[in-house]
């Protein structure tokens, strides 16, 4: 399968209007695989032998997105940048987002498990080398898990067991659920506390 690599620095943009010989084509809204913005575009390129094959230019970052046989390349970059997270956690989260963008859904499930292990150690006080179920228990008791979040943790645990020990492939639906949950966890664990620091006691 054709894979795109994110060649843009997260702060880099190019002028989308400076692409040469763009045509007016059917309007398309999509989540850009480079910048993660939800954009709409009506200009780009098409193949006159296959009207369903089009290239749209993102009106935010200026990068091209191919639509071929009803699929998007690169896929949408889901999740958002989260502030104040440790470098190792940020790296795994980025790998999850990139894997999902490239339709590597099994990888998203396995990376989700790995990130939960990191969070249990760095935030919930777990020790390295414990079993995954113990990491889950630490997170449940940490106070960061939202209502019914323990069910989602069990879901991720069970999915990871399937992917590790059985011949099963991850699905788009599974990957997106895990990514959304991890995003919410990181916001509550790192971003919100940095925005609402505890007041100093006199």
C-alpha atoms as a PDB file:
ATOM      1  CA  UNK A   1       0.000   0.000   0.000  1.00  0.00           C
ATOM      2  CA  UNK A   2       1.212   3.462  -0.830  1.00  0.00           C
ATOM      3  CA  UNK A   3       2.387   5.328   2.288  1.00  0.00           C
ATOM      4  CA  UNK A   4       2.888   9.069   2.591  1.00  0.00           C
ATOM      5  CA  UNK A   5       5.338  10.508   5.084  1.00  0.00           C
ATOM      6  CA  UNK A   6       4.593  13.793   6.784  1.00  0.00           C
ATOM      7  CA  UNK A   7       7.214  16.024   5.203  1.00  0.00           C
ATOM      8  CA  UNK A   8       5.968  19.186   6.894  1.00  0.00           C
ATOM      9  CA  UNK A   9       7.169  20.732  10.074  1.00  0.00           C
ATOM     10  CA  UNK A  10       4.032  21.279  12.177  1.00  0.00           C
ATOM     11  CA  UNK A  11       4.485  25.071  11.832  1.00  0.00           C
ATOM     12  CA  UNK A  12       5.280  25.054   8.107  1.00  0.00           C
ATOM     13  CA  UNK A  13       2.841  26.065   5.388  1.00  0.00           C
ATOM     14  CA  UNK A  14       3.074  26.658   1.668  1.00  0.00           C
ATOM     15  CA  UNK A  15       0.811  28.944  -0.339  1.00  0.00           C
ATOM     16  CA  UNK A  16      -1.959  26.716  -1.690  1.00  0.00           C
ATOM     17  CA  UNK A  17      -2.873  29.266  -4.365  1.00  0.00           C
ATOM     18  CA  UNK A  18       0.585  29.063  -5.945  1.00  0.00           C
ATOM     19  CA  UNK A  19       0.136  25.526  -7.287  1.00  0.00           C
ATOM     20  CA  UNK A  20       0.192  25.871 -11.065  1.00  0.00           C
ATOM     21  CA  UNK A  21      -2.612  24.956 -13.495  1.00  0.00           C
ATOM     22  CA  UNK A  22      -5.192  24.099 -10.839  1.00  0.00           C
ATOM     23  CA  UNK A  23      -8.701  23.322 -12.078  1.00  0.00           C
ATOM     24  CA  UNK A  24     -12.136  23.849 -10.584  1.00  0.00           C
ATOM     25  CA  UNK A  25     -13.359  20.392  -9.543  1.00  0.00           C
ATOM     26  CA  UNK A  26     -16.187  19.038  -7.423  1.00  0.00           C
ATOM     27  CA  UNK A  27     -16.000  20.504  -3.890  1.00  0.00           C
ATOM     28  CA  UNK A  28     -14.614  18.142  -1.255  1.00  0.00           C
ATOM     29  CA  UNK A  29     -14.292  18.506   2.498  1.00  0.00           C
ATOM     30  CA  UNK A  30     -11.724  16.381   4.324  1.00  0.00           C
ATOM     31  CA  UNK A  31      -9.391  16.249   7.304  1.00  0.00           C
ATOM     32  CA  UNK A  32      -5.919  16.938   5.970  1.00  0.00           C
ATOM     33  CA  UNK A  33      -3.364  14.198   6.592  1.00  0.00           C
ATOM     34  CA  UNK A  34      -0.588  16.760   7.047  1.00  0.00           C
ATOM     35  CA  UNK A  35      -1.963  19.521   9.264  1.00  0.00           C
ATOM     36  CA  UNK A  36      -5.037  17.790  10.720  1.00  0.00           C
ATOM     37  CA  UNK A  37      -7.365  20.665   9.794  1.00  0.00           C
ATOM     38  CA  UNK A  38     -10.901  20.036   8.562  1.00  0.00           C
ATOM     39  CA  UNK A  39     -10.866  21.889   5.260  1.00  0.00           C
ATOM     40  CA  UNK A  40     -12.899  22.263   2.094  1.00  0.00           C
ATOM     41  CA  UNK A  41     -11.512  22.668  -1.389  1.00  0.00           C
ATOM     42  CA  UNK A  42     -12.867  23.014  -4.900  1.00  0.00           C
ATOM     43  CA  UNK A  43      -9.560  23.366  -6.733  1.00  0.00           C
ATOM     44  CA  UNK A  44      -6.953  20.803  -7.663  1.00  0.00           C
ATOM     45  CA  UNK A  45      -6.308  18.201 -10.336  1.00  0.00           C
ATOM     46  CA  UNK A  46      -8.226  15.343 -11.924  1.00  0.00           C
ATOM     47  CA  UNK A  47      -7.520  12.472 -14.284  1.00  0.00           C
ATOM     48  CA  UNK A  48      -9.740  12.719 -17.368  1.00  0.00           C
ATOM     49  CA  UNK A  49      -9.669   8.929 -17.844  1.00  0.00           C
ATOM     50  CA  UNK A  50     -10.939   8.328 -14.286  1.00  0.00           C
ATOM     51  CA  UNK A  51     -13.166  11.088 -12.933  1.00  0.00           C
ATOM     52  CA  UNK A  52     -13.108   9.615  -9.402  1.00  0.00           C
ATOM     53  CA  UNK A  53      -9.349  10.191  -9.088  1.00  0.00           C
ATOM     54  CA  UNK A  54      -8.636  13.719  -7.870  1.00  0.00           C
ATOM     55  CA  UNK A  55      -5.969  15.657  -6.031  1.00  0.00           C
ATOM     56  CA  UNK A  56      -7.126  18.444  -3.708  1.00  0.00           C
ATOM     57  CA  UNK A  57      -4.884  21.126  -2.247  1.00  0.00           C
ATOM     58  CA  UNK A  58      -5.356  21.826   1.468  1.00  0.00           C
ATOM     59  CA  UNK A  59      -6.381  25.454   1.889  1.00  0.00           C
ATOM     60  CA  UNK A  60      -4.636  25.630   5.267  1.00  0.00           C
ATOM     61  CA  UNK A  61      -1.187  24.069   4.812  1.00  0.00           C
ATOM     62  CA  UNK A  62      -1.086  23.886   0.994  1.00  0.00           C
ATOM     63  CA  UNK A  63      -0.259  20.180   0.747  1.00  0.00           C
ATOM     64  CA  UNK A  64      -1.864  17.778  -1.793  1.00  0.00           C
ATOM     65  CA  UNK A  65      -4.293  14.985  -0.890  1.00  0.00           C
ATOM     66  CA  UNK A  66      -5.176  12.215  -3.350  1.00  0.00           C
ATOM     67  CA  UNK A  67      -8.648  10.651  -3.504  1.00  0.00           C
ATOM     68  CA  UNK A  68      -8.518   7.329  -5.331  1.00  0.00           C
ATOM     69  CA  UNK A  69     -11.266   4.663  -5.389  1.00  0.00           C
ATOM     70  CA  UNK A  70     -13.078   6.483  -2.566  1.00  0.00           C
ATOM     71  CA  UNK A  71     -10.019   6.375  -0.316  1.00  0.00           C
ATOM     72  CA  UNK A  72      -7.916   9.292   0.892  1.00  0.00           C
ATOM     73  CA  UNK A  73      -4.093   9.373   0.742  1.00  0.00           C
ATOM     74  CA  UNK A  74      -2.662  10.362   3.151  1.00  0.00           C
ATOM     75  CA  UNK A  75      -5.574   9.497   5.414  1.00  0.00           C
ATOM     76  CA  UNK A  76      -6.970  12.006   7.898  1.00  0.00           C
ATOM     77  CA  UNK A  77      -4.671  13.017  10.750  1.00  0.00           C
ATOM     78  CA  UNK A  78      -7.005  12.424  13.694  1.00  0.00           C
ATOM     79  CA  UNK A  79      -6.428  13.695  17.214  1.00  0.00           C
ATOM     80  CA  UNK A  80      -4.913  17.040  18.030  1.00  0.00           C
ATOM     81  CA  UNK A  81      -1.656  18.360  19.362  1.00  0.00           C
ATOM     82  CA  UNK A  82      -1.713  18.276  23.160  1.00  0.00           C
ATOM     83  CA  UNK A  83       0.246  20.702  25.277  1.00  0.00           C
ATOM     84  CA  UNK A  84       2.637  19.951  28.145  1.00  0.00           C
ATOM     85  CA  UNK A  85       3.081  16.213  27.582  1.00  0.00           C
ATOM     86  CA  UNK A  86       6.416  14.434  28.154  1.00  0.00           C
ATOM     87  CA  UNK A  87       8.596  13.748  25.136  1.00  0.00           C
ATOM     88  CA  UNK A  88       8.257   9.942  25.277  1.00  0.00           C
ATOM     89  CA  UNK A  89       4.468  10.123  25.603  1.00  0.00           C
ATOM     90  CA  UNK A  90       4.284  12.673  22.789  1.00  0.00           C
ATOM     91  CA  UNK A  91       6.349  10.383  20.531  1.00  0.00           C
ATOM     92  CA  UNK A  92       4.077   7.375  21.050  1.00  0.00           C
ATOM     93  CA  UNK A  93       0.958   9.505  20.569  1.00  0.00           C
ATOM     94  CA  UNK A  94       2.413  10.881  17.324  1.00  0.00           C
ATOM     95  CA  UNK A  95       3.171   7.339  16.139  1.00  0.00           C
ATOM     96  CA  UNK A  96      -0.449   6.386  16.853  1.00  0.00           C
ATOM     97  CA  UNK A  97      -1.746   9.316  14.818  1.00  0.00           C
ATOM     98  CA  UNK A  98       0.629   8.578  11.937  1.00  0.00           C
ATOM     99  CA  UNK A  99      -0.224   4.865  11.985  1.00  0.00           C
ATOM    100  CA  UNK A 100      -3.934   5.647  11.814  1.00  0.00           C
ATOM    101  CA  UNK A 101      -3.345   8.115   8.972  1.00  0.00           C
ATOM    102  CA  UNK A 102      -1.550   5.368   7.032  1.00  0.00           C
ATOM    103  CA  UNK A 103      -4.324   2.807   7.722  1.00  0.00           C
ATOM    104  CA  UNK A 104      -2.031   0.781  10.034  1.00  0.00           C
ATOM    105  CA  UNK A 105      -4.909   0.046  12.396  1.00  0.00           C
ATOM    106  CA  UNK A 106      -3.324  -2.947  14.147  1.00  0.00           C
ATOM    107  CA  UNK A 107      -0.349  -0.762  15.027  1.00  0.00           C
ATOM    108  CA  UNK A 108      -2.688   1.815  16.596  1.00  0.00           C
ATOM    109  CA  UNK A 109      -4.110  -0.847  18.934  1.00  0.00           C
ATOM    110  CA  UNK A 110      -0.687  -2.053  20.018  1.00  0.00           C
ATOM    111  CA  UNK A 111       0.674   1.471  20.450  1.00  0.00           C
ATOM    112  CA  UNK A 112      -2.398   2.325  22.533  1.00  0.00           C
ATOM    113  CA  UNK A 113      -1.475  -0.464  24.946  1.00  0.00           C
ATOM    114  CA  UNK A 114       2.104   0.743  25.116  1.00  0.00           C
ATOM    115  CA  UNK A 115       1.019   4.305  25.846  1.00  0.00           C
ATOM    116  CA  UNK A 116      -1.285   3.124  28.630  1.00  0.00           C
ATOM    117  CA  UNK A 117       1.726   1.409  30.213  1.00  0.00           C
ATOM    118  CA  UNK A 118       3.695   4.670  30.027  1.00  0.00           C
ATOM    119  CA  UNK A 119       0.838   6.636  31.571  1.00  0.00           C
ATOM    120  CA  UNK A 120       0.389   4.146  34.395  1.00  0.00           C
ATOM    121  CA  UNK A 121       4.067   4.480  35.314  1.00  0.00           C
ATOM    122  CA  UNK A 122       4.512   8.232  34.825  1.00  0.00           C
ATOM    123  CA  UNK A 123       1.178   9.429  36.254  1.00  0.00           C
ATOM    124  CA  UNK A 124      -0.493   6.672  38.262  1.00  0.00           C
ATOM    125  CA  UNK A 125       2.518   5.404  40.217  1.00  0.00           C
ATOM    126  CA  UNK A 126       2.830   1.936  38.686  1.00  0.00           C
ATOM    127  CA  UNK A 127       6.233   0.238  38.521  1.00  0.00           C
ATOM    128  CA  UNK A 128       7.900  -0.845  35.315  1.00  0.00           C
ATOM    129  CA  UNK A 129       7.756  -4.557  34.505  1.00  0.00           C
ATOM    130  CA  UNK A 130       4.265  -5.246  35.819  1.00  0.00           C
ATOM    131  CA  UNK A 131       1.579  -7.075  33.866  1.00  0.00           C
ATOM    132  CA  UNK A 132      -0.677  -5.023  31.644  1.00  0.00           C
ATOM    133  CA  UNK A 133      -3.756  -5.760  33.752  1.00  0.00           C
ATOM    134  CA  UNK A 134      -1.938  -4.227  36.727  1.00  0.00           C
ATOM    135  CA  UNK A 135      -1.224  -1.086  34.731  1.00  0.00           C
ATOM    136  CA  UNK A 136      -4.927  -0.879  33.956  1.00  0.00           C
ATOM    137  CA  UNK A 137      -5.781  -1.178  37.670  1.00  0.00           C
ATOM    138  CA  UNK A 138      -3.375   1.628  38.555  1.00  0.00           C
ATOM    139  CA  UNK A 139      -4.997   3.896  36.001  1.00  0.00           C
ATOM    140  CA  UNK A 140      -8.481   3.048  37.244  1.00  0.00           C
ATOM    141  CA  UNK A 141      -7.470   4.180  40.737  1.00  0.00           C
ATOM    142  CA  UNK A 142      -5.628   7.294  39.550  1.00  0.00           C
ATOM    143  CA  UNK A 143      -8.671   9.570  39.322  1.00  0.00           C
ATOM    144  CA  UNK A 144      -7.976  10.468  35.690  1.00  0.00           C
ATOM    145  CA  UNK A 145     -10.291   7.910  34.108  1.00  0.00           C
ATOM    146  CA  UNK A 146     -13.675   9.415  33.117  1.00  0.00           C
ATOM    147  CA  UNK A 147     -17.024   7.711  33.924  1.00  0.00           C
ATOM    148  CA  UNK A 148     -17.229   4.334  32.162  1.00  0.00           C
ATOM    149  CA  UNK A 149     -13.585   4.804  31.161  1.00  0.00           C
ATOM    150  CA  UNK A 150     -12.676   1.541  32.878  1.00  0.00           C
ATOM    151  CA  UNK A 151     -14.767  -0.260  30.263  1.00  0.00           C
ATOM    152  CA  UNK A 152     -12.732   1.406  27.522  1.00  0.00           C
ATOM    153  CA  UNK A 153      -9.486   0.374  29.232  1.00  0.00           C
ATOM    154  CA  UNK A 154     -10.749  -3.214  29.301  1.00  0.00           C
ATOM    155  CA  UNK A 155     -11.659  -2.891  25.622  1.00  0.00           C
ATOM    156  CA  UNK A 156      -8.116  -1.753  24.779  1.00  0.00           C
ATOM    157  CA  UNK A 157      -6.632  -4.526  26.927  1.00  0.00           C
ATOM    158  CA  UNK A 158      -8.703  -7.186  25.197  1.00  0.00           C
ATOM    159  CA  UNK A 159      -7.938  -5.808  21.736  1.00  0.00           C
ATOM    160  CA  UNK A 160      -4.234  -5.828  22.493  1.00  0.00           C
ATOM    161  CA  UNK A 161      -4.428  -9.434  23.651  1.00  0.00           C
ATOM    162  CA  UNK A 162      -6.128 -10.381  20.396  1.00  0.00           C
ATOM    163  CA  UNK A 163      -3.545  -8.629  18.255  1.00  0.00           C
ATOM    164  CA  UNK A 164      -0.617 -10.034  20.252  1.00  0.00           C
ATOM    165  CA  UNK A 165      -1.746 -13.620  20.652  1.00  0.00           C
ATOM    166  CA  UNK A 166      -4.240 -14.271  17.859  1.00  0.00           C
ATOM    167  CA  UNK A 167      -4.140 -13.796  14.105  1.00  0.00           C
ATOM    168  CA  UNK A 168      -6.450 -10.794  13.971  1.00  0.00           C
ATOM    169  CA  UNK A 169      -6.084  -7.509  12.135  1.00  0.00           C
ATOM    170  CA  UNK A 170      -7.107  -4.173  13.622  1.00  0.00           C
ATOM    171  CA  UNK A 171      -9.981  -2.229  12.080  1.00  0.00           C
ATOM    172  CA  UNK A 172     -10.490   1.461  11.341  1.00  0.00           C
ATOM    173  CA  UNK A 173     -13.326   1.650  13.864  1.00  0.00           C
ATOM    174  CA  UNK A 174     -11.218   0.108  16.642  1.00  0.00           C
ATOM    175  CA  UNK A 175      -8.272   2.383  15.921  1.00  0.00           C
ATOM    176  CA  UNK A 176     -10.363   5.556  15.965  1.00  0.00           C
ATOM    177  CA  UNK A 177     -12.004   4.601  19.277  1.00  0.00           C
ATOM    178  CA  UNK A 178      -8.635   3.982  20.908  1.00  0.00           C
ATOM    179  CA  UNK A 179      -7.131   7.177  19.515  1.00  0.00           C
ATOM    180  CA  UNK A 180     -10.048   9.288  20.791  1.00  0.00           C
ATOM    181  CA  UNK A 181      -9.790   7.763  24.260  1.00  0.00           C
ATOM    182  CA  UNK A 182      -6.019   8.265  24.454  1.00  0.00           C
ATOM    183  CA  UNK A 183      -6.442  11.871  23.309  1.00  0.00           C
ATOM    184  CA  UNK A 184      -8.966  12.512  26.114  1.00  0.00           C
ATOM    185  CA  UNK A 185      -6.679  10.886  28.699  1.00  0.00           C
ATOM    186  CA  UNK A 186      -3.708  13.019  27.681  1.00  0.00           C
ATOM    187  CA  UNK A 187      -5.768  16.209  27.839  1.00  0.00           C
ATOM    188  CA  UNK A 188      -6.959  15.443  31.383  1.00  0.00           C
ATOM    189  CA  UNK A 189      -3.564  14.205  32.582  1.00  0.00           C
ATOM    190  CA  UNK A 190      -1.274  16.869  31.145  1.00  0.00           C
ATOM    191  CA  UNK A 191      -2.964  19.756  29.353  1.00  0.00           C
ATOM    192  CA  UNK A 192      -5.709  20.731  31.795  1.00  0.00           C
ATOM    193  CA  UNK A 193      -3.469  20.647  34.912  1.00  0.00           C
ATOM    194  CA  UNK A 194      -1.015  22.989  33.180  1.00  0.00           C
ATOM    195  CA  UNK A 195      -3.827  25.440  32.374  1.00  0.00           C
ATOM    196  CA  UNK A 196      -5.323  25.339  35.872  1.00  0.00           C
ATOM    197  CA  UNK A 197      -2.363  25.119  38.257  1.00  0.00           C
ATOM    198  CA  UNK A 198      -3.030  24.611  41.931  1.00  0.00           C
ATOM    199  CA  UNK A 199      -3.138  27.822  43.927  1.00  0.00           C
ATOM    200  CA  UNK A 200      -0.347  28.281  46.421  1.00  0.00           C
ATOM    201  CA  UNK A 201      -1.487  28.045  50.015  1.00  0.00           C
ATOM    202  CA  UNK A 202      -0.586  31.013  52.176  1.00  0.00           C
END
